[in-house]
């Protein structure tokens, strides 16, 4: 091969190399553009997801506030019920205890004192003994009268 042929081949290789580089650059640019578009699409989807999560967070915050308000109402209601119950119990039981106390006082007044009961028992023992003694004497007198 001659020098001229070698020069032609070299020139052909250079042109072919340049065309291949240009073609590769176009393909790389196309892939970069496609990748950038896909990345942009993914970013948009993530933004949409972030917005949904923010909306969900706001809804949970609103629910938390409602629960806190309900808890407060329940606590207030329970405290009011306790106060009302105490008032009702005081009104009802105080009146009943007062009545019981009055009845107990009446019973105490009607009851004989224990010392007096002891004295009455002693007196009863003496009376019984006297009756037995008198009964015995009456019987003796009746027997004597029958014998006469």
N, C-alpha and C. Protein backbone atom coordinates (compact mmCIF):
# COMPACT_ATOMS: atom_id res chain seq x y z
N UNK A 1 0.82 -1.15 0.00
CA UNK A 1 0.00 0.00 0.00
C UNK A 1 0.88 1.23 0.00
N UNK A 2 0.36 2.15 -0.64
CA UNK A 2 1.15 3.35 -0.80
C UNK A 2 0.76 4.36 0.25
N UNK A 3 1.62 5.29 0.32
CA UNK A 3 1.45 6.34 1.31
C UNK A 3 0.14 7.07 1.07
N UNK A 4 -0.24 7.26 -0.10
CA UNK A 4 -1.45 7.95 -0.46
C UNK A 4 -2.65 7.15 0.00
N UNK A 5 -2.62 5.86 -0.18
CA UNK A 5 -3.71 4.99 0.25
C UNK A 5 -3.83 5.00 1.78
N UNK A 6 -2.67 5.02 2.41
CA UNK A 6 -2.67 5.04 3.87
C UNK A 6 -3.29 6.35 4.35
N UNK A 7 -2.99 7.43 3.67
CA UNK A 7 -3.54 8.74 4.05
C UNK A 7 -5.05 8.74 3.84
N UNK A 8 -5.50 8.13 2.82
CA UNK A 8 -6.95 8.07 2.54
C UNK A 8 -7.63 7.25 3.63
N UNK A 9 -7.04 6.13 3.97
CA UNK A 9 -7.60 5.28 5.02
C UNK A 9 -7.64 6.01 6.36
N UNK A 10 -6.56 6.73 6.64
CA UNK A 10 -6.52 7.49 7.89
C UNK A 10 -7.64 8.53 7.92
N UNK A 11 -7.81 9.19 6.78
CA UNK A 11 -8.85 10.21 6.69
C UNK A 11 -10.23 9.57 6.83
N UNK A 12 -10.42 8.42 6.27
CA UNK A 12 -11.70 7.73 6.38
C UNK A 12 -11.98 7.32 7.85
N UNK A 13 -10.92 6.84 8.49
CA UNK A 13 -11.08 6.46 9.90
C UNK A 13 -11.42 7.68 10.76
N UNK A 14 -10.78 8.81 10.47
CA UNK A 14 -11.06 10.02 11.23
C UNK A 14 -12.50 10.47 11.02
N UNK A 15 -12.94 10.42 9.75
CA UNK A 15 -14.33 10.82 9.47
C UNK A 15 -15.31 9.86 10.14
N UNK A 16 -15.00 8.58 10.06
CA UNK A 16 -15.85 7.57 10.68
C UNK A 16 -15.87 7.77 12.20
N UNK A 17 -14.71 8.05 12.76
CA UNK A 17 -14.61 8.28 14.19
C UNK A 17 -15.41 9.52 14.58
N UNK A 18 -15.32 10.57 13.78
CA UNK A 18 -16.05 11.80 14.06
C UNK A 18 -17.56 11.55 13.99
N UNK A 19 -17.99 10.81 12.96
CA UNK A 19 -19.42 10.48 12.83
C UNK A 19 -19.89 9.64 14.01
N UNK A 20 -19.06 8.70 14.42
CA UNK A 20 -19.42 7.85 15.56
C UNK A 20 -19.50 8.67 16.85
N UNK A 21 -18.53 9.58 17.01
CA UNK A 21 -18.55 10.44 18.19
C UNK A 21 -19.79 11.33 18.18
N UNK A 22 -20.12 11.86 17.02
CA UNK A 22 -21.30 12.72 16.91
C UNK A 22 -22.56 11.90 17.22
N UNK A 23 -22.61 10.70 16.66
CA UNK A 23 -23.76 9.83 16.90
C UNK A 23 -23.84 9.44 18.38
N UNK A 24 -22.74 9.14 18.99
CA UNK A 24 -22.70 8.79 20.41
C UNK A 24 -23.11 10.00 21.25
N UNK A 25 -22.62 11.17 20.88
CA UNK A 25 -23.00 12.38 21.62
C UNK A 25 -24.51 12.62 21.54
N UNK A 26 -25.10 12.42 20.34
CA UNK A 26 -26.54 12.58 20.18
C UNK A 26 -27.30 11.57 21.04
N UNK A 27 -26.82 10.32 21.03
CA UNK A 27 -27.49 9.28 21.83
C UNK A 27 -27.35 9.58 23.32
N UNK A 28 -26.18 10.01 23.74
CA UNK A 28 -25.96 10.35 25.14
C UNK A 28 -26.84 11.53 25.53
N UNK A 29 -26.91 12.55 24.63
CA UNK A 29 -27.78 13.70 24.92
C UNK A 29 -29.25 13.28 25.01
N UNK A 30 -29.65 12.38 24.11
CA UNK A 30 -31.04 11.90 24.13
C UNK A 30 -31.31 11.14 25.43
N UNK A 31 -30.37 10.30 25.84
CA UNK A 31 -30.53 9.56 27.10
C UNK A 31 -30.55 10.51 28.29
N UNK A 32 -29.68 11.53 28.26
CA UNK A 32 -29.68 12.51 29.35
C UNK A 32 -31.02 13.24 29.42
N UNK A 33 -31.52 13.64 28.25
CA UNK A 33 -32.81 14.34 28.20
C UNK A 33 -33.92 13.43 28.73
N UNK A 34 -33.90 12.18 28.30
CA UNK A 34 -34.92 11.21 28.75
C UNK A 34 -34.81 10.99 30.27
N UNK A 35 -33.58 10.83 30.75
CA UNK A 35 -33.38 10.64 32.19
C UNK A 35 -33.83 11.87 32.98
N UNK A 36 -33.49 13.05 32.48
CA UNK A 36 -33.90 14.29 33.15
C UNK A 36 -35.43 14.41 33.21
N UNK A 37 -36.09 14.02 32.11
CA UNK A 37 -37.55 14.05 32.09
C UNK A 37 -38.13 13.06 33.10
N UNK A 38 -37.52 11.86 33.17
CA UNK A 38 -37.99 10.86 34.14
C UNK A 38 -37.75 11.35 35.56
N UNK A 39 -36.60 11.94 35.81
CA UNK A 39 -36.29 12.47 37.14
C UNK A 39 -37.27 13.57 37.49
N UNK A 40 -37.57 14.44 36.55
CA UNK A 40 -38.53 15.53 36.77
C UNK A 40 -39.91 14.95 37.09
N UNK A 41 -40.31 13.90 36.37
CA UNK A 41 -41.60 13.25 36.62
C UNK A 41 -41.63 12.63 38.01
N UNK A 42 -40.55 11.99 38.39
CA UNK A 42 -40.46 11.39 39.73
C UNK A 42 -40.51 12.49 40.79
N UNK A 43 -39.80 13.59 40.56
CA UNK A 43 -39.84 14.71 41.51
C UNK A 43 -41.26 15.25 41.67
N UNK A 44 -41.99 15.36 40.57
CA UNK A 44 -43.37 15.84 40.63
C UNK A 44 -44.24 14.87 41.44
N UNK A 45 -44.01 13.57 41.23
CA UNK A 45 -44.79 12.58 41.97
C UNK A 45 -44.47 12.66 43.46
N UNK A 46 -43.19 12.82 43.81
CA UNK A 46 -42.82 12.97 45.22
C UNK A 46 -43.41 14.24 45.82
N UNK A 47 -43.45 15.32 45.05
CA UNK A 47 -44.08 16.55 45.54
C UNK A 47 -45.56 16.32 45.82
N UNK A 48 -46.21 15.60 44.91
CA UNK A 48 -47.64 15.30 45.12
C UNK A 48 -47.83 14.45 46.36
N UNK A 49 -46.96 13.48 46.56
CA UNK A 49 -47.03 12.61 47.76
C UNK A 49 -46.79 13.45 49.01
N UNK A 50 -45.80 14.35 48.95
CA UNK A 50 -45.53 15.23 50.10
C UNK A 50 -46.76 16.07 50.44
N UNK A 51 -47.44 16.59 49.43
CA UNK A 51 -48.64 17.39 49.67
C UNK A 51 -49.74 16.54 50.31
N UNK A 52 -49.86 15.28 49.85
CA UNK A 52 -50.87 14.39 50.46
C UNK A 52 -50.54 14.14 51.93
N UNK A 53 -49.25 13.89 52.22
CA UNK A 53 -48.86 13.65 53.61
C UNK A 53 -49.09 14.89 54.46
N UNK A 54 -48.84 16.06 53.91
CA UNK A 54 -49.11 17.30 54.66
C UNK A 54 -50.60 17.43 54.96
N UNK A 55 -51.44 17.09 53.97
CA UNK A 55 -52.89 17.14 54.18
C UNK A 55 -53.30 16.13 55.26
N UNK A 56 -52.71 14.94 55.21
CA UNK A 56 -53.02 13.92 56.22
C UNK A 56 -52.57 14.40 57.60
N UNK A 57 -51.39 14.99 57.69
CA UNK A 57 -50.89 15.53 58.96
C UNK A 57 -51.84 16.59 59.51
N UNK A 58 -52.33 17.45 58.64
CA UNK A 58 -53.28 18.48 59.08
C UNK A 58 -54.57 17.86 59.60
N UNK A 59 -55.03 16.81 58.91
CA UNK A 59 -56.25 16.13 59.37
C UNK A 59 -56.02 15.48 60.73
N UNK A 60 -54.86 14.86 60.91
CA UNK A 60 -54.55 14.24 62.22
C UNK A 60 -54.45 15.30 63.30
N UNK A 61 -53.87 16.44 62.97
CA UNK A 61 -53.80 17.54 63.94
C UNK A 61 -55.21 17.99 64.35
N UNK A 62 -56.09 18.08 63.36
CA UNK A 62 -57.48 18.49 63.65
C UNK A 62 -58.16 17.43 64.52
N UNK A 63 -57.92 16.16 64.22
CA UNK A 63 -58.51 15.08 65.01
C UNK A 63 -57.97 15.13 66.43
N UNK A 64 -56.66 15.35 66.58
CA UNK A 64 -56.06 15.46 67.92
C UNK A 64 -56.70 16.59 68.71
N UNK A 65 -56.93 17.71 68.06
CA UNK A 65 -57.56 18.85 68.75
C UNK A 65 -58.98 18.49 69.18
N UNK A 66 -59.71 17.76 68.32
CA UNK A 66 -61.06 17.36 68.69
C UNK A 66 -61.04 16.40 69.88
N UNK A 67 -60.10 15.46 69.85
CA UNK A 67 -59.99 14.53 70.98
C UNK A 67 -59.63 15.26 72.27
N UNK A 68 -58.75 16.23 72.18
CA UNK A 68 -58.39 17.01 73.37
C UNK A 68 -59.61 17.76 73.90
N UNK A 69 -60.39 18.31 72.99
CA UNK A 69 -61.61 19.03 73.41
C UNK A 69 -62.61 18.05 74.04
N UNK A 70 -62.73 16.86 73.45
CA UNK A 70 -63.64 15.86 74.01
C UNK A 70 -63.15 15.40 75.39
N UNK A 71 -61.84 15.19 75.53
CA UNK A 71 -61.28 14.80 76.83
C UNK A 71 -61.59 15.86 77.88
N UNK A 72 -61.44 17.12 77.51
CA UNK A 72 -61.73 18.22 78.44
C UNK A 72 -63.20 18.20 78.84
N UNK A 73 -64.09 18.01 77.85
CA UNK A 73 -65.52 17.97 78.15
C UNK A 73 -65.84 16.79 79.06
N UNK A 74 -65.22 15.65 78.81
CA UNK A 74 -65.47 14.46 79.64
C UNK A 74 -64.99 14.72 81.06
N UNK A 75 -63.81 15.31 81.21
CA UNK A 75 -63.28 15.61 82.54
C UNK A 75 -64.19 16.61 83.27
N UNK A 76 -64.64 17.64 82.54
CA UNK A 76 -65.53 18.63 83.14
C UNK A 76 -66.85 17.98 83.56
N UNK A 77 -67.39 17.12 82.70
CA UNK A 77 -68.65 16.45 83.00
C UNK A 77 -68.48 15.53 84.20
N UNK A 78 -67.38 14.79 84.26
CA UNK A 78 -67.14 13.89 85.39
C UNK A 78 -67.03 14.69 86.69
N UNK A 79 -66.35 15.81 86.65
CA UNK A 79 -66.22 16.65 87.84
C UNK A 79 -67.60 17.18 88.26
N UNK A 80 -68.40 17.60 87.30
CA UNK A 80 -69.75 18.11 87.60
C UNK A 80 -70.62 17.00 88.19
N UNK A 81 -70.50 15.80 87.63
CA UNK A 81 -71.28 14.66 88.15
C UNK A 81 -70.88 14.37 89.59
N UNK A 82 -69.58 14.42 89.87
CA UNK A 82 -69.11 14.19 91.24
C UNK A 82 -69.66 15.26 92.19
N UNK A 83 -69.60 16.51 91.76
CA UNK A 83 -70.13 17.58 92.61
C UNK A 83 -71.63 17.40 92.85
N UNK A 84 -72.37 17.12 91.77
CA UNK A 84 -73.82 16.94 91.90
C UNK A 84 -74.15 15.74 92.78
N UNK A 85 -73.39 14.67 92.61
CA UNK A 85 -73.62 13.47 93.42
C UNK A 85 -73.38 13.78 94.90
N UNK A 86 -72.30 14.50 95.18
CA UNK A 86 -72.00 14.86 96.58
C UNK A 86 -73.12 15.72 97.15
N UNK A 87 -73.61 16.66 96.36
CA UNK A 87 -74.69 17.53 96.83
C UNK A 87 -75.96 16.72 97.09
N UNK A 88 -76.30 15.83 96.14
CA UNK A 88 -77.50 15.01 96.31
C UNK A 88 -77.36 14.07 97.51
N UNK A 89 -76.20 13.46 97.64
CA UNK A 89 -75.99 12.55 98.77
C UNK A 89 -76.08 13.31 100.08
N UNK A 90 -75.48 14.47 100.12
CA UNK A 90 -75.52 15.27 101.35
C UNK A 90 -76.96 15.63 101.69
N UNK A 91 -77.71 16.05 100.68
CA UNK A 91 -79.10 16.45 100.92
C UNK A 91 -79.93 15.25 101.36
N UNK A 92 -79.78 14.15 100.68
CA UNK A 92 -80.61 12.97 100.97
C UNK A 92 -80.17 12.28 102.25
N UNK A 93 -78.88 12.01 102.38
CA UNK A 93 -78.41 11.27 103.55
C UNK A 93 -78.46 12.10 104.82
N UNK A 94 -78.17 13.37 104.73
CA UNK A 94 -78.23 14.21 105.92
C UNK A 94 -79.63 14.19 106.50
N UNK A 95 -80.62 14.31 105.64
CA UNK A 95 -82.02 14.29 106.09
C UNK A 95 -82.35 12.94 106.72
N UNK A 96 -81.92 11.88 106.08
CA UNK A 96 -82.22 10.55 106.61
C UNK A 96 -81.46 10.29 107.92
N UNK A 97 -80.20 10.71 107.98
CA UNK A 97 -79.44 10.52 109.21
C UNK A 97 -80.06 11.35 110.35
N UNK A 98 -80.54 12.53 110.01
CA UNK A 98 -81.21 13.34 111.04
C UNK A 98 -82.45 12.61 111.55
N UNK A 99 -83.22 12.00 110.63
CA UNK A 99 -84.41 11.25 111.04
C UNK A 99 -84.03 10.05 111.91
N UNK A 100 -82.99 9.35 111.50
CA UNK A 100 -82.52 8.20 112.28
C UNK A 100 -82.08 8.66 113.67
N UNK A 101 -81.38 9.76 113.72
CA UNK A 101 -80.92 10.28 115.01
C UNK A 101 -82.11 10.64 115.91
N UNK A 102 -83.14 11.24 115.32
CA UNK A 102 -84.32 11.59 116.10
C UNK A 102 -84.99 10.33 116.65
N UNK A 103 -85.14 9.31 115.79
CA UNK A 103 -85.77 8.06 116.21
C UNK A 103 -84.94 7.39 117.30
N UNK A 104 -83.63 7.42 117.14
CA UNK A 104 -82.74 6.82 118.14
C UNK A 104 -82.88 7.57 119.47
N UNK A 105 -82.99 8.87 119.40
CA UNK A 105 -83.15 9.67 120.61
C UNK A 105 -84.46 9.32 121.31
N UNK A 106 -85.52 9.16 120.51
CA UNK A 106 -86.81 8.77 121.08
C UNK A 106 -86.72 7.40 121.76
N UNK A 107 -86.05 6.47 121.09
CA UNK A 107 -85.88 5.14 121.68
C UNK A 107 -85.08 5.20 122.97
N UNK A 108 -84.04 6.01 122.96
CA UNK A 108 -83.21 6.15 124.16
C UNK A 108 -84.03 6.73 125.31
N UNK A 109 -84.90 7.68 124.99
CA UNK A 109 -85.73 8.27 126.02
C UNK A 109 -86.72 7.26 126.57
N UNK A 110 -87.26 6.38 125.71
CA UNK A 110 -88.25 5.40 126.13
C UNK A 110 -87.61 4.22 126.88
N UNK A 111 -86.35 3.97 126.59
CA UNK A 111 -85.69 2.83 127.23
C UNK A 111 -85.42 3.13 128.70
N UNK A 112 -85.49 2.07 129.50
CA UNK A 112 -85.18 2.19 130.91
C UNK A 112 -83.66 2.12 131.04
N UNK A 113 -83.14 2.93 131.92
CA UNK A 113 -81.69 2.96 132.12
C UNK A 113 -81.23 1.61 132.65
N UNK A 114 -80.05 1.15 132.29
CA UNK A 114 -79.55 -0.16 132.75
C UNK A 114 -79.50 -0.26 134.28
N UNK A 115 -79.13 0.81 134.97
CA UNK A 115 -79.09 0.76 136.44
C UNK A 115 -80.48 0.53 136.99
N UNK A 116 -81.46 1.17 136.35
CA UNK A 116 -82.85 1.01 136.81
C UNK A 116 -83.33 -0.40 136.55
N UNK A 117 -82.93 -0.98 135.39
CA UNK A 117 -83.31 -2.36 135.08
C UNK A 117 -82.72 -3.31 136.11
N UNK A 118 -81.45 -3.08 136.47
CA UNK A 118 -80.81 -3.93 137.49
C UNK A 118 -81.59 -3.84 138.82
N UNK A 119 -81.99 -2.64 139.19
CA UNK A 119 -82.75 -2.46 140.44
C UNK A 119 -84.09 -3.18 140.36
N UNK A 120 -84.76 -3.06 139.19
CA UNK A 120 -86.05 -3.72 139.02
C UNK A 120 -85.89 -5.24 139.09
N UNK A 121 -84.82 -5.77 138.53
CA UNK A 121 -84.58 -7.21 138.60
C UNK A 121 -84.39 -7.64 140.05
N UNK A 122 -83.61 -6.84 140.78
CA UNK A 122 -83.41 -7.16 142.21
C UNK A 122 -84.75 -7.14 142.96
N UNK A 123 -85.55 -6.11 142.67
CA UNK A 123 -86.86 -5.99 143.32
C UNK A 123 -87.74 -7.19 142.96
N UNK A 124 -87.68 -7.61 141.70
CA UNK A 124 -88.47 -8.76 141.24
C UNK A 124 -88.05 -10.03 141.98
N UNK A 125 -86.76 -10.18 142.22
CA UNK A 125 -86.26 -11.35 142.94
C UNK A 125 -86.85 -11.36 144.36
N UNK A 126 -86.85 -10.18 145.00
CA UNK A 126 -87.41 -10.06 146.36
C UNK A 126 -88.90 -10.36 146.33
N UNK A 127 -89.63 -9.81 145.33
CA UNK A 127 -91.07 -10.03 145.23
C UNK A 127 -91.36 -11.51 145.02
N UNK A 128 -90.61 -12.18 144.16
CA UNK A 128 -90.82 -13.61 143.91
C UNK A 128 -90.59 -14.42 145.18
N UNK A 129 -89.52 -14.05 145.88
CA UNK A 129 -89.23 -14.77 147.13
C UNK A 129 -90.36 -14.56 148.13
N UNK A 130 -90.86 -13.33 148.20
CA UNK A 130 -91.97 -13.03 149.13
C UNK A 130 -93.20 -13.82 148.74
N UNK A 131 -93.51 -13.88 147.45
CA UNK A 131 -94.69 -14.62 146.97
C UNK A 131 -94.54 -16.09 147.32
N UNK A 132 -93.35 -16.66 147.12
CA UNK A 132 -93.13 -18.06 147.46
C UNK A 132 -93.34 -18.28 148.96
N UNK A 133 -92.79 -17.35 149.72
CA UNK A 133 -92.93 -17.45 151.18
C UNK A 133 -94.41 -17.39 151.57
N UNK A 134 -95.12 -16.39 150.99
CA UNK A 134 -96.54 -16.24 151.32
C UNK A 134 -97.35 -17.44 150.82
N UNK A 135 -97.01 -17.93 149.63
CA UNK A 135 -97.71 -19.10 149.09
C UNK A 135 -97.52 -20.29 150.02
N UNK A 136 -96.29 -20.42 150.51
CA UNK A 136 -96.02 -21.52 151.45
C UNK A 136 -96.83 -21.37 152.72
N UNK A 137 -96.95 -20.18 153.26
CA UNK A 137 -97.71 -19.93 154.49
C UNK A 137 -99.20 -20.19 154.24
N UNK A 138 -99.70 -19.72 153.06
CA UNK A 138 -101.12 -19.93 152.76
C UNK A 138 -101.38 -21.43 152.68
N UNK A 139 -100.50 -22.13 152.06
CA UNK A 139 -100.69 -23.57 151.93
C UNK A 139 -100.67 -24.24 153.32
N UNK A 140 -99.78 -23.79 154.15
CA UNK A 140 -99.70 -24.34 155.51
C UNK A 140 -100.99 -24.04 156.25
N UNK A 141 -101.49 -22.83 156.13
CA UNK A 141 -102.74 -22.46 156.80
C UNK A 141 -103.92 -23.29 156.26
N UNK A 142 -103.97 -23.50 155.01
CA UNK A 142 -105.06 -24.28 154.40
C UNK A 142 -104.98 -25.72 154.88
N UNK A 143 -103.79 -26.24 154.96
CA UNK A 143 -103.65 -27.62 155.44
C UNK A 143 -104.08 -27.70 156.90
N UNK A 144 -103.73 -26.67 157.68
CA UNK A 144 -104.13 -26.68 159.10
C UNK A 144 -105.63 -26.54 159.22
N UNK A 145 -106.21 -25.77 158.37
CA UNK A 145 -107.64 -25.59 158.40
C UNK A 145 -108.33 -26.87 157.97
N UNK A 146 -107.87 -27.60 157.12
CA UNK A 146 -108.47 -28.85 156.67
C UNK A 146 -108.32 -29.93 157.76
N UNK A 147 -107.32 -29.80 158.52
CA UNK A 147 -107.09 -30.79 159.56
C UNK A 147 -108.00 -30.52 160.75
N UNK A 148 -108.45 -29.44 160.88
CA UNK A 148 -109.32 -29.13 162.05
C UNK A 148 -110.67 -29.56 161.79
